Amino acid sequence: MAIDLVTRREWGARQPRGAYGRLSSTRGVKVHYTGGQVSPDIVGDHARCVALVRSIQNHHMDGNGWIDVGYSLLVCPHRKVFEGRGPHHLPAANGSGLNSGHYAVLGLVGSTGFTQPTDDILHGILDAVEYLRDKGGAGDEIKGHRDGYSTDCPGGPLYAWVKRGAPRPGGGPTEPPEPHPSFPGRVLKYPPVMVGEDVRTWQRQMRRRGWDIDVDGLYGGASRDACRAFQREKGLSATGAVNRATWQATWEEPVT
C-alpha cells in the first residue's frame, strides 16, 4: 500500500517560524508517542486526529519555542501519515544533539487513554519509515526515542514492538505464550534494595517486554519506577512493588 500522506496544507499546519536545518541522510528513524492523554475517540473520528496534530504543533511552537512541530511525520489510527518537517529537514523531537542521527516519527498514542497502537498505526509508522528511506536518505535503523535519551517515550507497547524488529502486523503466526515461573512468595519492593534471583527473573522478563531496565538482580529505584509505570499501563494499583498480580501480568498481559 502506498503511503496515505496528509500534506501540511491539508491538515492546516502553521508556517514554520524559520528555516529548517538540512539533512542529507540519517542512520534511520526514532519512534515517538505523545507522552500524554490521547482520547480513544480518535479511532472512530479522523477529525480528532487532525485536531490533535494541530495541538501538538501549537505546543511545540508556543510551548517549547521551536520553529515548527518537532516530528518529521506523524501517524494516526487510520493509517494516514501527516507531513511534519518532512524529509531532509532536521527534526527537533529526539533531544539535544540527537536530531541529526535519526528522523522522528510520532504514533498518535499516549501514556493514558489510547495507549495500545492499532495495526493501522504500526503499518502507518512503517509506511512513514519507507517514505523517509525513499525520499530522505534514512538508514535501516528503527529505534525508540528512549534509545540514547532518558525518557519513557515511545511507551511500553510501541517500544516492545520496536525491540521485536518493528514487524508488519499480520506477517506470520504469533508464538504461544511462554509458561512463566511461579510467584516467588515475597513482594519485590524498594526501599531498601532487594537482591535475588527472583528479582533478576522479573527484570529479564520486563526487558523482553521492551522496558529499559537493568537485569542485575537488584530491586532499587529504577526497578520500582519501571514497575509503577507498567502497573499504570495495565490498570493495576501503581505501588511500584511486584506483588502476585504484577508478577503474573508481567508474563500474561499482552505486550501490544
C-alpha atoms as a PDB file:
ATOM      1  CA  MET A   1       0.000   0.000   0.000  1.00  0.00           C
ATOM      2  CA  ALA A   2       1.359   3.425  -0.979  1.00  0.00           C
ATOM      3  CA  ILE A   3       1.697   5.993   1.777  1.00  0.00           C
ATOM      4  CA  ASP A   4      -1.521   7.899   2.542  1.00  0.00           C
ATOM      5  CA  LEU A   5       0.127  11.276   3.077  1.00  0.00           C
ATOM      6  CA  VAL A   6      -1.760  14.206   4.601  1.00  0.00           C
ATOM      7  CA  THR A   7       0.064  17.328   3.454  1.00  0.00           C
ATOM      8  CA  ARG A   8       0.669  20.317   5.678  1.00  0.00           C
ATOM      9  CA  ARG A   9      -1.878  22.300   3.678  1.00  0.00           C
ATOM     10  CA  GLU A  10      -4.461  19.547   4.130  1.00  0.00           C
ATOM     11  CA  TRP A  11      -4.125  19.418   7.916  1.00  0.00           C
ATOM     12  CA  GLY A  12      -3.905  23.193   8.287  1.00  0.00           C
ATOM     13  CA  ALA A  13      -0.323  23.473   9.519  1.00  0.00           C
ATOM     14  CA  ARG A  14       1.073  26.819  10.606  1.00  0.00           C
ATOM     15  CA  GLN A  15       4.030  28.151   8.682  1.00  0.00           C
ATOM     16  CA  PRO A  16       7.400  27.484  10.335  1.00  0.00           C
ATOM     17  CA  ARG A  17       8.986  30.477  12.050  1.00  0.00           C
ATOM     18  CA  GLY A  18      12.383  29.922  10.488  1.00  0.00           C
ATOM     19  CA  ALA A  19      14.483  27.763   8.204  1.00  0.00           C
ATOM     20  CA  TYR A  20      14.977  24.078   8.972  1.00  0.00           C
ATOM     21  CA  GLY A  21      18.416  22.567   9.376  1.00  0.00           C
ATOM     22  CA  ARG A  22      19.304  20.409   6.399  1.00  0.00           C
ATOM     23  CA  LEU A  23      19.858  16.641   6.451  1.00  0.00           C
ATOM     24  CA  SER A  24      21.311  14.695   3.561  1.00  0.00           C
ATOM     25  CA  SER A  25      20.755  11.338   5.261  1.00  0.00           C
ATOM     26  CA  THR A  26      20.282   9.727   8.685  1.00  0.00           C
ATOM     27  CA  ARG A  27      21.037   6.388  10.321  1.00  0.00           C
ATOM     28  CA  GLY A  28      17.330   5.712  10.465  1.00  0.00           C
ATOM     29  CA  VAL A  29      14.199   6.711  12.363  1.00  0.00           C
ATOM     30  CA  LYS A  30      13.219   7.088  16.012  1.00  0.00           C
ATOM     31  CA  VAL A  31       9.649   6.263  17.030  1.00  0.00           C
ATOM     32  CA  HIS A  32       7.752   8.509  19.469  1.00  0.00           C
ATOM     33  CA  TYR A  33       4.401   8.720  21.270  1.00  0.00           C
ATOM     34  CA  THR A  34       2.636  11.775  22.639  1.00  0.00           C
ATOM     35  CA  GLY A  35       3.502  11.076  26.278  1.00  0.00           C
ATOM     36  CA  GLY A  36       0.135  12.419  27.453  1.00  0.00           C
ATOM     37  CA  GLN A  37      -3.596  11.775  27.366  1.00  0.00           C
ATOM     38  CA  VAL A  38      -4.980  10.669  23.987  1.00  0.00           C
ATOM     39  CA  SER A  39      -8.712  10.110  23.709  1.00  0.00           C
ATOM     40  CA  PRO A  40      -9.727   6.679  22.364  1.00  0.00           C
ATOM     41  CA  ASP A  41     -12.340   8.591  20.334  1.00  0.00           C
ATOM     42  CA  ILE A  42      -9.713   9.369  17.692  1.00  0.00           C
ATOM     43  CA  VAL A  43     -10.003   5.773  16.457  1.00  0.00           C
ATOM     44  CA  GLY A  44     -13.522   6.456  15.185  1.00  0.00           C
ATOM     45  CA  ASP A  45     -13.180  10.108  14.230  1.00  0.00           C
ATOM     46  CA  HIS A  46     -10.354  11.220  11.932  1.00  0.00           C
ATOM     47  CA  ALA A  47     -11.219  14.889  12.540  1.00  0.00           C
ATOM     48  CA  ARG A  48      -9.979  14.373  16.103  1.00  0.00           C
ATOM     49  CA  CYS A  49      -6.642  13.159  14.711  1.00  0.00           C
ATOM     50  CA  VAL A  50      -6.302  16.355  12.686  1.00  0.00           C
ATOM     51  CA  ALA A  51      -7.124  18.449  15.747  1.00  0.00           C
ATOM     52  CA  LEU A  52      -4.581  16.545  17.845  1.00  0.00           C
ATOM     53  CA  VAL A  53      -1.828  17.073  15.265  1.00  0.00           C
ATOM     54  CA  ARG A  54      -2.591  20.796  15.227  1.00  0.00           C
ATOM     55  CA  SER A  55      -2.473  20.942  19.019  1.00  0.00           C
ATOM     56  CA  ILE A  56       0.907  19.184  19.026  1.00  0.00           C
ATOM     57  CA  GLN A  57       2.265  21.742  16.578  1.00  0.00           C
ATOM     58  CA  ASN A  58       0.899  24.576  18.716  1.00  0.00           C
ATOM     59  CA  HIS A  59       2.511  23.120  21.841  1.00  0.00           C
ATOM     60  CA  HIS A  60       5.866  22.697  20.120  1.00  0.00           C
ATOM     61  CA  MET A  61       5.853  26.219  18.702  1.00  0.00           C
ATOM     62  CA  ASP A  62       4.206  28.141  21.537  1.00  0.00           C
ATOM     63  CA  GLY A  63       5.252  25.988  24.496  1.00  0.00           C
ATOM     64  CA  ASN A  64       8.676  24.663  23.504  1.00  0.00           C
ATOM     65  CA  GLY A  65       9.613  27.670  21.397  1.00  0.00           C
ATOM     66  CA  TRP A  66      10.513  25.537  18.366  1.00  0.00           C
ATOM     67  CA  ILE A  67      10.144  26.842  14.834  1.00  0.00           C
ATOM     68  CA  ASP A  68       7.631  24.116  13.960  1.00  0.00           C
ATOM     69  CA  VAL A  69       6.248  20.757  15.040  1.00  0.00           C
ATOM     70  CA  GLY A  70       9.221  18.672  16.146  1.00  0.00           C
ATOM     71  CA  TYR A  71       8.442  15.483  14.207  1.00  0.00           C
ATOM     72  CA  SER A  72       9.290  14.535  10.663  1.00  0.00           C
ATOM     73  CA  LEU A  73       5.998  12.686  10.210  1.00  0.00           C
ATOM     74  CA  LEU A  74       3.010  11.846  12.426  1.00  0.00           C
ATOM     75  CA  VAL A  75       0.815   8.740  12.116  1.00  0.00           C
ATOM     76  CA  CYS A  76      -2.824   8.278  13.148  1.00  0.00           C
ATOM     77  CA  PRO A  77      -5.016   5.181  13.709  1.00  0.00           C
ATOM     78  CA  HIS A  78      -6.447   5.484  10.183  1.00  0.00           C
ATOM     79  CA  ARG A  79      -3.049   4.678   8.604  1.00  0.00           C
ATOM     80  CA  LYS A  80      -2.713   8.283   7.500  1.00  0.00           C
ATOM     81  CA  VAL A  81       0.717   9.911   7.675  1.00  0.00           C
ATOM     82  CA  PHE A  82       0.767  13.630   8.448  1.00  0.00           C
ATOM     83  CA  GLU A  83       3.557  15.694   6.947  1.00  0.00           C
ATOM     84  CA  GLY A  84       5.574  17.355   9.702  1.00  0.00           C
ATOM     85  CA  ARG A  85       9.002  18.741   8.941  1.00  0.00           C
ATOM     86  CA  GLY A  86       9.384  16.101   6.267  1.00  0.00           C
ATOM     87  CA  PRO A  87      12.435  14.504   4.645  1.00  0.00           C
ATOM     88  CA  HIS A  88      15.836  16.220   4.545  1.00  0.00           C
ATOM     89  CA  HIS A  89      14.816  18.556   7.390  1.00  0.00           C
ATOM     90  CA  LEU A  90      16.290  18.366  10.887  1.00  0.00           C
ATOM     91  CA  PRO A  91      13.684  17.276  13.461  1.00  0.00           C
ATOM     92  CA  ALA A  92      13.591  18.669  16.990  1.00  0.00           C
ATOM     93  CA  ALA A  93      11.931  15.881  18.980  1.00  0.00           C
ATOM     94  CA  ASN A  94      14.799  13.414  19.508  1.00  0.00           C
ATOM     95  CA  GLY A  95      16.684  15.519  22.061  1.00  0.00           C
ATOM     96  CA  SER A  96      19.540  17.974  22.009  1.00  0.00           C
ATOM     97  CA  GLY A  97      22.454  16.660  19.957  1.00  0.00           C
ATOM     98  CA  LEU A  98      20.461  13.650  18.703  1.00  0.00           C
ATOM     99  CA  ASN A  99      18.348  15.087  15.914  1.00  0.00           C
ATOM    100  CA  SER A 100      20.845  14.732  13.087  1.00  0.00           C
ATOM    101  CA  GLY A 101      21.132  10.969  13.569  1.00  0.00           C
ATOM    102  CA  HIS A 102      17.515   9.965  13.046  1.00  0.00           C
ATOM    103  CA  TYR A 103      14.254  11.271  11.696  1.00  0.00           C
ATOM    104  CA  ALA A 104      11.413  11.451  14.244  1.00  0.00           C
ATOM    105  CA  VAL A 105       8.103   9.664  13.597  1.00  0.00           C
ATOM    106  CA  LEU A 106       5.196  10.007  16.042  1.00  0.00           C
ATOM    107  CA  GLY A 107       2.451   7.439  16.538  1.00  0.00           C
ATOM    108  CA  LEU A 108      -0.696   9.078  17.928  1.00  0.00           C
ATOM    109  CA  VAL A 109      -0.903   7.005  21.106  1.00  0.00           C
ATOM    110  CA  GLY A 110      -0.485   8.304  24.623  1.00  0.00           C
ATOM    111  CA  SER A 111       0.562   7.323  28.101  1.00  0.00           C
ATOM    112  CA  THR A 112      -3.106   7.278  29.183  1.00  0.00           C
ATOM    113  CA  GLY A 113      -6.383   6.795  27.334  1.00  0.00           C
ATOM    114  CA  PHE A 114      -5.491   5.405  23.914  1.00  0.00           C
ATOM    115  CA  THR A 115      -2.230   3.592  24.710  1.00  0.00           C
ATOM    116  CA  GLN A 116      -2.195   0.460  22.541  1.00  0.00           C
ATOM    117  CA  PRO A 117      -1.118   1.058  18.929  1.00  0.00           C
ATOM    118  CA  THR A 118      -3.519  -0.434  16.395  1.00  0.00           C
ATOM    119  CA  ASP A 119      -2.320  -2.438  13.413  1.00  0.00           C
ATOM    120  CA  ASP A 120      -3.015   0.581  11.198  1.00  0.00           C
ATOM    121  CA  ILE A 121      -0.780   2.784  13.362  1.00  0.00           C
ATOM    122  CA  LEU A 122       2.029   0.226  13.095  1.00  0.00           C
ATOM    123  CA  HIS A 123       1.507  -0.064   9.343  1.00  0.00           C
ATOM    124  CA  GLY A 124       1.460   3.728   9.110  1.00  0.00           C
ATOM    125  CA  ILE A 125       4.703   4.087  11.035  1.00  0.00           C
ATOM    126  CA  LEU A 126       6.352   1.628   8.661  1.00  0.00           C
ATOM    127  CA  ASP A 127       4.837   3.485   5.677  1.00  0.00           C
ATOM    128  CA  ALA A 128       6.457   6.633   7.098  1.00  0.00           C
ATOM    129  CA  VAL A 129       9.794   4.865   7.583  1.00  0.00           C
ATOM    130  CA  GLU A 130       9.766   3.605   3.980  1.00  0.00           C
ATOM    131  CA  TYR A 131       8.867   7.094   2.765  1.00  0.00           C
ATOM    132  CA  LEU A 132      11.802   8.615   4.665  1.00  0.00           C
ATOM    133  CA  ARG A 133      14.131   5.963   3.289  1.00  0.00           C
ATOM    134  CA  ASP A 134      12.932   6.649  -0.250  1.00  0.00           C
ATOM    135  CA  LYS A 135      12.691  10.443  -0.071  1.00  0.00           C
ATOM    136  CA  GLY A 136      15.057  11.408   2.746  1.00  0.00           C
ATOM    137  CA  GLY A 137      18.014   9.022   2.804  1.00  0.00           C
ATOM    138  CA  ALA A 138      17.005   7.372   6.092  1.00  0.00           C
ATOM    139  CA  GLY A 139      19.099   4.343   7.019  1.00  0.00           C
ATOM    140  CA  ASP A 140      17.925   0.962   8.265  1.00  0.00           C
ATOM    141  CA  GLU A 141      17.720   1.705  12.000  1.00  0.00           C
ATOM    142  CA  ILE A 142      14.316   1.830  13.687  1.00  0.00           C
ATOM    143  CA  LYS A 143      14.731   2.802  17.322  1.00  0.00           C
ATOM    144  CA  GLY A 144      12.679   4.190  20.161  1.00  0.00           C
ATOM    145  CA  HIS A 145      13.073   7.733  21.440  1.00  0.00           C
ATOM    146  CA  ARG A 146      14.338   6.273  24.729  1.00  0.00           C
ATOM    147  CA  ASP A 147      17.321   4.700  22.944  1.00  0.00           C
ATOM    148  CA  GLY A 148      20.085   7.121  23.885  1.00  0.00           C
ATOM    149  CA  TYR A 149      17.790   9.570  25.709  1.00  0.00           C
ATOM    150  CA  SER A 150      16.290   9.498  29.198  1.00  0.00           C
ATOM    151  CA  THR A 151      12.534   9.228  28.587  1.00  0.00           C
ATOM    152  CA  ASP A 152       9.653   6.737  28.700  1.00  0.00           C
ATOM    153  CA  CYS A 153       8.889   7.533  25.052  1.00  0.00           C
ATOM    154  CA  PRO A 154       7.571   5.783  22.974  1.00  0.00           C
ATOM    155  CA  GLY A 155       5.849   3.960  25.845  1.00  0.00           C
ATOM    156  CA  GLY A 156       5.901   0.271  26.669  1.00  0.00           C
ATOM    157  CA  PRO A 157       3.712  -1.137  23.862  1.00  0.00           C
ATOM    158  CA  LEU A 158       5.325   0.789  20.993  1.00  0.00           C
ATOM    159  CA  TYR A 159       8.825   0.207  22.341  1.00  0.00           C
ATOM    160  CA  ALA A 160       8.214  -3.531  22.685  1.00  0.00           C
ATOM    161  CA  TRP A 161       7.201  -3.583  19.005  1.00  0.00           C
ATOM    162  CA  VAL A 162      10.359  -1.675  18.080  1.00  0.00           C
ATOM    163  CA  LYS A 163      12.501  -4.111  20.075  1.00  0.00           C
ATOM    164  CA  ARG A 164      10.895  -7.033  18.207  1.00  0.00           C
ATOM    165  CA  GLY A 165      12.228  -5.535  14.998  1.00  0.00           C
ATOM    166  CA  ALA A 166       9.154  -3.424  14.103  1.00  0.00           C
ATOM    167  CA  PRO A 167       7.408  -6.172  12.080  1.00  0.00           C
ATOM    168  CA  ARG A 168       4.462  -5.542   9.798  1.00  0.00           C
ATOM    169  CA  PRO A 169       1.253  -6.697  11.513  1.00  0.00           C
ATOM    170  CA  GLY A 170      -0.110  -9.919  10.082  1.00  0.00           C
ATOM    171  CA  GLY A 171       3.304 -11.044   8.928  1.00  0.00           C
ATOM    172  CA  GLY A 172       3.024 -14.518  10.434  1.00  0.00           C
ATOM    173  CA  PRO A 173       1.677 -16.565  13.313  1.00  0.00           C
ATOM    174  CA  THR A 174       2.385 -15.388  16.816  1.00  0.00           C
ATOM    175  CA  GLU A 175       4.269 -17.575  19.230  1.00  0.00           C
ATOM    176  CA  PRO A 176       2.280 -19.241  22.007  1.00  0.00           C
ATOM    177  CA  PRO A 177       2.650 -17.591  25.401  1.00  0.00           C
ATOM    178  CA  GLU A 178       5.684 -18.685  27.354  1.00  0.00           C
ATOM    179  CA  PRO A 179       4.961 -20.545  30.590  1.00  0.00           C
ATOM    180  CA  HIS A 180       6.064 -18.285  33.395  1.00  0.00           C
ATOM    181  CA  PRO A 181       7.703 -19.036  36.733  1.00  0.00           C
ATOM    182  CA  SER A 182       5.557 -19.057  39.828  1.00  0.00           C
ATOM    183  CA  PHE A 183       5.322 -16.029  42.059  1.00  0.00           C
ATOM    184  CA  PRO A 184       8.346 -16.244  44.381  1.00  0.00           C
ATOM    185  CA  GLY A 185       6.326 -15.728  47.550  1.00  0.00           C
ATOM    186  CA  ARG A 186       7.725 -12.345  48.505  1.00  0.00           C
ATOM    187  CA  VAL A 187       6.779  -8.908  47.252  1.00  0.00           C
ATOM    188  CA  LEU A 188       9.638  -7.149  45.470  1.00  0.00           C
ATOM    189  CA  LYS A 189       9.813  -3.552  46.665  1.00  0.00           C
ATOM    190  CA  TYR A 190      12.110  -0.620  47.374  1.00  0.00           C
ATOM    191  CA  PRO A 191      13.417   0.748  49.708  1.00  0.00           C
ATOM    192  CA  PRO A 192      15.559  -0.970  50.794  1.00  0.00           C
ATOM    193  CA  VAL A 193      17.214  -2.600  47.787  1.00  0.00           C
ATOM    194  CA  MET A 194      16.142  -6.231  47.459  1.00  0.00           C
ATOM    195  CA  VAL A 195      18.552  -8.757  45.975  1.00  0.00           C
ATOM    196  CA  GLY A 196      17.843 -12.151  44.492  1.00  0.00           C
ATOM    197  CA  GLU A 197      17.343 -14.411  41.515  1.00  0.00           C
ATOM    198  CA  ASP A 198      13.606 -13.677  41.630  1.00  0.00           C
ATOM    199  CA  VAL A 199      14.420 -10.003  41.032  1.00  0.00           C
ATOM    200  CA  ARG A 200      16.642 -10.943  38.089  1.00  0.00           C
ATOM    201  CA  THR A 201      13.896 -13.174  36.632  1.00  0.00           C
ATOM    202  CA  TRP A 202      11.331 -10.369  36.774  1.00  0.00           C
ATOM    203  CA  GLN A 203      13.766  -7.811  35.362  1.00  0.00           C
ATOM    204  CA  ARG A 204      14.657 -10.134  32.482  1.00  0.00           C
ATOM    205  CA  GLN A 205      11.001 -10.545  31.538  1.00  0.00           C
ATOM    206  CA  MET A 206      10.400  -6.808  31.746  1.00  0.00           C
ATOM    207  CA  ARG A 207      13.329  -6.233  29.412  1.00  0.00           C
ATOM    208  CA  ARG A 208      11.893  -8.807  26.987  1.00  0.00           C
ATOM    209  CA  ARG A 209       8.678  -6.797  27.022  1.00  0.00           C
ATOM    210  CA  GLY A 210      10.625  -3.724  25.890  1.00  0.00           C
ATOM    211  CA  TRP A 211      11.216  -1.886  29.154  1.00  0.00           C
ATOM    212  CA  ASP A 212      14.545  -0.156  29.634  1.00  0.00           C
ATOM    213  CA  ILE A 213      15.673  -1.895  32.797  1.00  0.00           C
ATOM    214  CA  ASP A 214      18.953  -3.382  34.006  1.00  0.00           C
ATOM    215  CA  VAL A 215      18.944  -7.140  34.631  1.00  0.00           C
ATOM    216  CA  ASP A 216      21.202  -7.034  37.685  1.00  0.00           C
ATOM    217  CA  GLY A 217      19.185  -8.793  40.394  1.00  0.00           C
ATOM    218  CA  LEU A 218      18.909  -5.555  42.407  1.00  0.00           C
ATOM    219  CA  TYR A 219      15.425  -4.173  43.003  1.00  0.00           C
ATOM    220  CA  GLY A 220      16.113  -0.483  43.528  1.00  0.00           C
ATOM    221  CA  GLY A 221      14.680   2.829  42.429  1.00  0.00           C
ATOM    222  CA  ALA A 222      14.902   2.162  38.683  1.00  0.00           C
ATOM    223  CA  SER A 223      13.106  -1.185  39.004  1.00  0.00           C
ATOM    224  CA  ARG A 224      10.436   0.377  41.212  1.00  0.00           C
ATOM    225  CA  ASP A 225       9.835   3.157  38.686  1.00  0.00           C
ATOM    226  CA  ALA A 226       9.577   0.695  35.791  1.00  0.00           C
ATOM    227  CA  CYS A 227       7.196  -1.443  37.841  1.00  0.00           C
ATOM    228  CA  ARG A 228       4.990   1.538  38.663  1.00  0.00           C
ATOM    229  CA  ALA A 229       4.809   2.603  35.003  1.00  0.00           C
ATOM    230  CA  PHE A 230       3.956  -0.964  33.976  1.00  0.00           C
ATOM    231  CA  GLN A 231       1.226  -1.163  36.617  1.00  0.00           C
ATOM    232  CA  ARG A 232      -0.324   2.083  35.385  1.00  0.00           C
ATOM    233  CA  GLU A 233      -0.223   0.816  31.804  1.00  0.00           C
ATOM    234  CA  LYS A 234      -2.043  -2.383  32.786  1.00  0.00           C
ATOM    235  CA  GLY A 235      -4.570  -0.810  35.141  1.00  0.00           C
ATOM    236  CA  LEU A 236      -3.019  -2.290  38.280  1.00  0.00           C
ATOM    237  CA  SER A 237      -2.540  -0.486  41.573  1.00  0.00           C
ATOM    238  CA  ALA A 238       0.579   1.637  40.936  1.00  0.00           C
ATOM    239  CA  THR A 239       2.525   0.808  44.090  1.00  0.00           C
ATOM    240  CA  GLY A 240       5.899   0.173  42.461  1.00  0.00           C
ATOM    241  CA  ALA A 241       6.017  -3.201  44.230  1.00  0.00           C
ATOM    242  CA  VAL A 242       5.909  -6.528  42.380  1.00  0.00           C
ATOM    243  CA  ASN A 243       3.120  -8.411  44.104  1.00  0.00           C
ATOM    244  CA  ARG A 244       1.473 -11.583  42.809  1.00  0.00           C
ATOM    245  CA  ALA A 245      -0.840  -9.735  40.383  1.00  0.00           C
ATOM    246  CA  THR A 246       2.002  -7.685  38.926  1.00  0.00           C
ATOM    247  CA  TRP A 247       4.262 -10.749  38.636  1.00  0.00           C
ATOM    248  CA  GLN A 248       1.596 -12.639  36.718  1.00  0.00           C
ATOM    249  CA  ALA A 249       0.783  -9.649  34.493  1.00  0.00           C
ATOM    250  CA  THR A 250       4.444  -9.359  33.529  1.00  0.00           C
ATOM    251  CA  TRP A 251       4.100 -12.678  31.693  1.00  0.00           C
ATOM    252  CA  GLU A 252       0.397 -12.907  30.926  1.00  0.00           C
ATOM    253  CA  GLU A 253      -0.636  -9.419  29.775  1.00  0.00           C
ATOM    254  CA  PRO A 254      -0.277  -8.738  26.028  1.00  0.00           C
ATOM    255  CA  VAL A 255       2.620  -6.507  25.027  1.00  0.00           C
ATOM    256  CA  THR A 256       0.638  -4.711  22.320  1.00  0.00           C
END
